[in-house]
Amino acid sequence: MPSEPPTPLAKRLAWFVALWLAGVAAVATVAFLLRFWMKLG
């Protein structure tokens, strides 16, 4: 069973940054929707 070479650091960092930004965007979207919903009430 051949071992695969490790993923380059740049690619791993790119994935980390992309997933982090997606998480931040999701939290910001929820916060915005909650604010909008509370203003309607």
PDB file of N, CA and C in Angstrom:
ATOM      1  N   MET A   1       0.854  -1.187   0.000  1.00  0.00           N
ATOM      2  CA  MET A   1       0.000   0.000   0.000  1.00  0.00           C
ATOM      3  C   MET A   1       0.894   1.243   0.000  1.00  0.00           C
ATOM      4  N   PRO A   2       0.970   1.940  -1.131  1.00  0.00           N
ATOM      5  CA  PRO A   2       1.848   3.110  -1.189  1.00  0.00           C
ATOM      6  C   PRO A   2       1.273   4.275  -0.388  1.00  0.00           C
ATOM      7  N   SER A   3       2.136   4.954   0.338  1.00  0.00           N
ATOM      8  CA  SER A   3       1.656   6.117   1.100  1.00  0.00           C
ATOM      9  C   SER A   3       1.657   7.340   0.197  1.00  0.00           C
ATOM     10  N   GLU A   4       0.583   8.115   0.286  1.00  0.00           N
ATOM     11  CA  GLU A   4       0.475   9.305  -0.552  1.00  0.00           C
ATOM     12  C   GLU A   4       1.357  10.411   0.016  1.00  0.00           C
ATOM     13  N   PRO A   5       1.933  11.234  -0.858  1.00  0.00           N
ATOM     14  CA  PRO A   5       2.749  12.342  -0.346  1.00  0.00           C
ATOM     15  C   PRO A   5       1.879  13.349   0.408  1.00  0.00           C
ATOM     16  N   PRO A   6       2.426  13.992   1.412  1.00  0.00           N
ATOM     17  CA  PRO A   6       1.613  14.952   2.166  1.00  0.00           C
ATOM     18  C   PRO A   6       1.181  16.128   1.292  1.00  0.00           C
ATOM     19  N   THR A   7       0.029  16.662   1.608  1.00  0.00           N
ATOM     20  CA  THR A   7      -0.490  17.800   0.862  1.00  0.00           C
ATOM     21  C   THR A   7       0.394  19.018   1.111  1.00  0.00           C
ATOM     22  N   PRO A   8       0.653  19.811   0.088  1.00  0.00           N
ATOM     23  CA  PRO A   8       1.475  21.009   0.286  1.00  0.00           C
ATOM     24  C   PRO A   8       0.853  21.949   1.320  1.00  0.00           C
ATOM     25  N   LEU A   9       1.719  22.626   2.050  1.00  0.00           N
ATOM     26  CA  LEU A   9       1.265  23.525   3.108  1.00  0.00           C
ATOM     27  C   LEU A   9       0.354  24.615   2.564  1.00  0.00           C
ATOM     28  N   ALA A  10       0.676  25.142   1.396  1.00  0.00           N
ATOM     29  CA  ALA A  10      -0.136  26.221   0.823  1.00  0.00           C
ATOM     30  C   ALA A  10      -1.575  25.759   0.576  1.00  0.00           C
ATOM     31  N   LYS A  11      -1.714  24.523   0.091  1.00  0.00           N
ATOM     32  CA  LYS A  11      -3.070  24.014  -0.191  1.00  0.00           C
ATOM     33  C   LYS A  11      -3.841  23.807   1.109  1.00  0.00           C
ATOM     34  N   ARG A  12      -3.158  23.276   2.143  1.00  0.00           N
ATOM     35  CA  ARG A  12      -3.831  23.085   3.427  1.00  0.00           C
ATOM     36  C   ARG A  12      -4.237  24.421   4.038  1.00  0.00           C
ATOM     37  N   LEU A  13      -3.351  25.413   3.929  1.00  0.00           N
ATOM     38  CA  LEU A  13      -3.686  26.736   4.458  1.00  0.00           C
ATOM     39  C   LEU A  13      -4.839  27.363   3.684  1.00  0.00           C
ATOM     40  N   ALA A  14      -4.871  27.149   2.378  1.00  0.00           N
ATOM     41  CA  ALA A  14      -5.965  27.685   1.566  1.00  0.00           C
ATOM     42  C   ALA A  14      -7.296  27.070   1.994  1.00  0.00           C
ATOM     43  N   TRP A  15      -7.306  25.764   2.233  1.00  0.00           N
ATOM     44  CA  TRP A  15      -8.530  25.115   2.703  1.00  0.00           C
ATOM     45  C   TRP A  15      -8.943  25.648   4.071  1.00  0.00           C
ATOM     46  N   PHE A  16      -7.963  25.807   4.958  1.00  0.00           N
ATOM     47  CA  PHE A  16      -8.258  26.324   6.296  1.00  0.00           C
ATOM     48  C   PHE A  16      -8.880  27.713   6.209  1.00  0.00           C
ATOM     49  N   VAL A  17      -8.284  28.583   5.399  1.00  0.00           N
ATOM     50  CA  VAL A  17      -8.805  29.946   5.260  1.00  0.00           C
ATOM     51  C   VAL A  17     -10.196  29.930   4.631  1.00  0.00           C
ATOM     52  N   ALA A  18     -10.389  29.084   3.619  1.00  0.00           N
ATOM     53  CA  ALA A  18     -11.692  29.020   2.963  1.00  0.00           C
ATOM     54  C   ALA A  18     -12.772  28.544   3.926  1.00  0.00           C
ATOM     55  N   LEU A  19     -12.477  27.514   4.706  1.00  0.00           N
ATOM     56  CA  LEU A  19     -13.469  27.012   5.654  1.00  0.00           C
ATOM     57  C   LEU A  19     -13.712  28.017   6.776  1.00  0.00           C
ATOM     58  N   TRP A  20     -12.662  28.717   7.219  1.00  0.00           N
ATOM     59  CA  TRP A  20     -12.824  29.726   8.258  1.00  0.00           C
ATOM     60  C   TRP A  20     -13.708  30.858   7.758  1.00  0.00           C
ATOM     61  N   LEU A  21     -13.457  31.320   6.526  1.00  0.00           N
ATOM     62  CA  LEU A  21     -14.280  32.396   5.958  1.00  0.00           C
ATOM     63  C   LEU A  21     -15.730  31.954   5.777  1.00  0.00           C
ATOM     64  N   ALA A  22     -15.933  30.700   5.392  1.00  0.00           N
ATOM     65  CA  ALA A  22     -17.296  30.194   5.243  1.00  0.00           C
ATOM     66  C   ALA A  22     -18.010  30.186   6.594  1.00  0.00           C
ATOM     67  N   GLY A  23     -17.293  29.808   7.650  1.00  0.00           N
ATOM     68  CA  GLY A  23     -17.883  29.820   8.989  1.00  0.00           C
ATOM     69  C   GLY A  23     -18.225  31.220   9.443  1.00  0.00           C
ATOM     70  N   VAL A  24     -17.315  32.148   9.216  1.00  0.00           N
ATOM     71  CA  VAL A  24     -17.569  33.544   9.590  1.00  0.00           C
ATOM     72  C   VAL A  24     -18.753  34.090   8.805  1.00  0.00           C
ATOM     73  N   ALA A  25     -18.820  33.780   7.526  1.00  0.00           N
ATOM     74  CA  ALA A  25     -19.933  34.253   6.705  1.00  0.00           C
ATOM     75  C   ALA A  25     -21.262  33.668   7.183  1.00  0.00           C
ATOM     76  N   ALA A  26     -21.254  32.415   7.590  1.00  0.00           N
ATOM     77  CA  ALA A  26     -22.488  31.782   8.077  1.00  0.00           C
ATOM     78  C   ALA A  26     -22.954  32.457   9.366  1.00  0.00           C
ATOM     79  N   VAL A  27     -22.028  32.711  10.289  1.00  0.00           N
ATOM     80  CA  VAL A  27     -22.396  33.373  11.548  1.00  0.00           C
ATOM     81  C   VAL A  27     -22.893  34.786  11.281  1.00  0.00           C
ATOM     82  N   ALA A  28     -22.236  35.510  10.390  1.00  0.00           N
ATOM     83  CA  ALA A  28     -22.657  36.872  10.060  1.00  0.00           C
ATOM     84  C   ALA A  28     -24.047  36.876   9.427  1.00  0.00           C
ATOM     85  N   THR A  29     -24.323  35.892   8.576  1.00  0.00           N
ATOM     86  CA  THR A  29     -25.638  35.807   7.947  1.00  0.00           C
ATOM     87  C   THR A  29     -26.726  35.556   8.985  1.00  0.00           C
ATOM     88  N   VAL A  30     -26.470  34.642   9.904  1.00  0.00           N
ATOM     89  CA  VAL A  30     -27.446  34.364  10.964  1.00  0.00           C
ATOM     90  C   VAL A  30     -27.660  35.603  11.824  1.00  0.00           C
ATOM     91  N   ALA A  31     -26.575  36.300  12.175  1.00  0.00           N
ATOM     92  CA  ALA A  31     -26.703  37.511  12.987  1.00  0.00           C
ATOM     93  C   ALA A  31     -27.521  38.573  12.253  1.00  0.00           C
ATOM     94  N   PHE A  32     -27.252  38.744  10.963  1.00  0.00           N
ATOM     95  CA  PHE A  32     -28.001  39.724  10.177  1.00  0.00           C
ATOM     96  C   PHE A  32     -29.486  39.365  10.121  1.00  0.00           C
ATOM     97  N   LEU A  33     -29.779  38.079   9.889  1.00  0.00           N
ATOM     98  CA  LEU A  33     -31.181  37.655   9.816  1.00  0.00           C
ATOM     99  C   LEU A  33     -31.884  37.840  11.157  1.00  0.00           C
ATOM    100  N   LEU A  34     -31.189  37.553  12.256  1.00  0.00           N
ATOM    101  CA  LEU A  34     -31.793  37.760  13.576  1.00  0.00           C
ATOM    102  C   LEU A  34     -32.071  39.237  13.832  1.00  0.00           C
ATOM    103  N   ARG A  35     -31.136  40.094  13.458  1.00  0.00           N
ATOM    104  CA  ARG A  35     -31.378  41.534  13.623  1.00  0.00           C
ATOM    105  C   ARG A  35     -32.570  41.983  12.801  1.00  0.00           C
ATOM    106  N   PHE A  36     -32.617  41.537  11.556  1.00  0.00           N
ATOM    107  CA  PHE A  36     -33.724  41.911  10.663  1.00  0.00           C
ATOM    108  C   PHE A  36     -35.056  41.430  11.231  1.00  0.00           C
ATOM    109  N   TRP A  37     -35.070  40.205  11.747  1.00  0.00           N
ATOM    110  CA  TRP A  37     -36.286  39.610  12.297  1.00  0.00           C
ATOM    111  C   TRP A  37     -36.734  40.369  13.542  1.00  0.00           C
ATOM    112  N   MET A  38     -35.780  40.783  14.377  1.00  0.00           N
ATOM    113  CA  MET A  38     -36.123  41.498  15.605  1.00  0.00           C
ATOM    114  C   MET A  38     -36.639  42.901  15.293  1.00  0.00           C
ATOM    115  N   LYS A  39     -36.151  43.527  14.215  1.00  0.00           N
ATOM    116  CA  LYS A  39     -36.652  44.850  13.845  1.00  0.00           C
ATOM    117  C   LYS A  39     -38.099  44.775  13.367  1.00  0.00           C
ATOM    118  N   LEU A  40     -38.472  43.638  12.746  1.00  0.00           N
ATOM    119  CA  LEU A  40     -39.835  43.485  12.269  1.00  0.00           C
ATOM    120  C   LEU A  40     -40.825  43.369  13.426  1.00  0.00           C
ATOM    121  N   GLY A  41     -40.388  42.797  14.526  1.00  0.00           N
ATOM    122  CA  GLY A  41     -41.260  42.520  15.654  1.00  0.00           C
ATOM    123  C   GLY A  41     -41.627  43.702  16.499  1.00  0.00           C
TER     124      GLY A  41
END
